[in-house]
């Protein structure tokens, strides 16, 4: 089982979307989310800094800065930069929905590429010879 932590600034929108997107691609991953800004009962990244992680995925500059707080228990780091769709106050609900949809589409595309290029091979079942599911040695 691969342990993945997704970190954003306040763990309210982007990290939750990223967790749902990433887990939709396949099994074999335990995905957690956290925020670097305290408050509102949201899991704080400090709770996770001393635990071992296969990947820590950051979604914004503030989250990337938290890298220094982690012990040497992170095997791989992956950084993405997504705008916060709720960063500015909009009186137009359609504009807010459009911002969320744009971030979601970009996030889905980039997280799929991350899954395809870095995670999927590690998550495939292995036979006794060490090859993946497509092995024909048996």
Foldseek 3Di string as FASTA:
>chain_A
DAEEEEEEAAPDADLVLLVVLLPVVDDDYDYYYAHCDDDDPTHHCLVVQEAAHQEYEYADPSRVVCVVVHDPRYNYYHYHYADDLPPDDDPDVVSSVVNSVVRSVVSNVVSVCCCVPPNVLVRFPADPVGHGPPDDPD
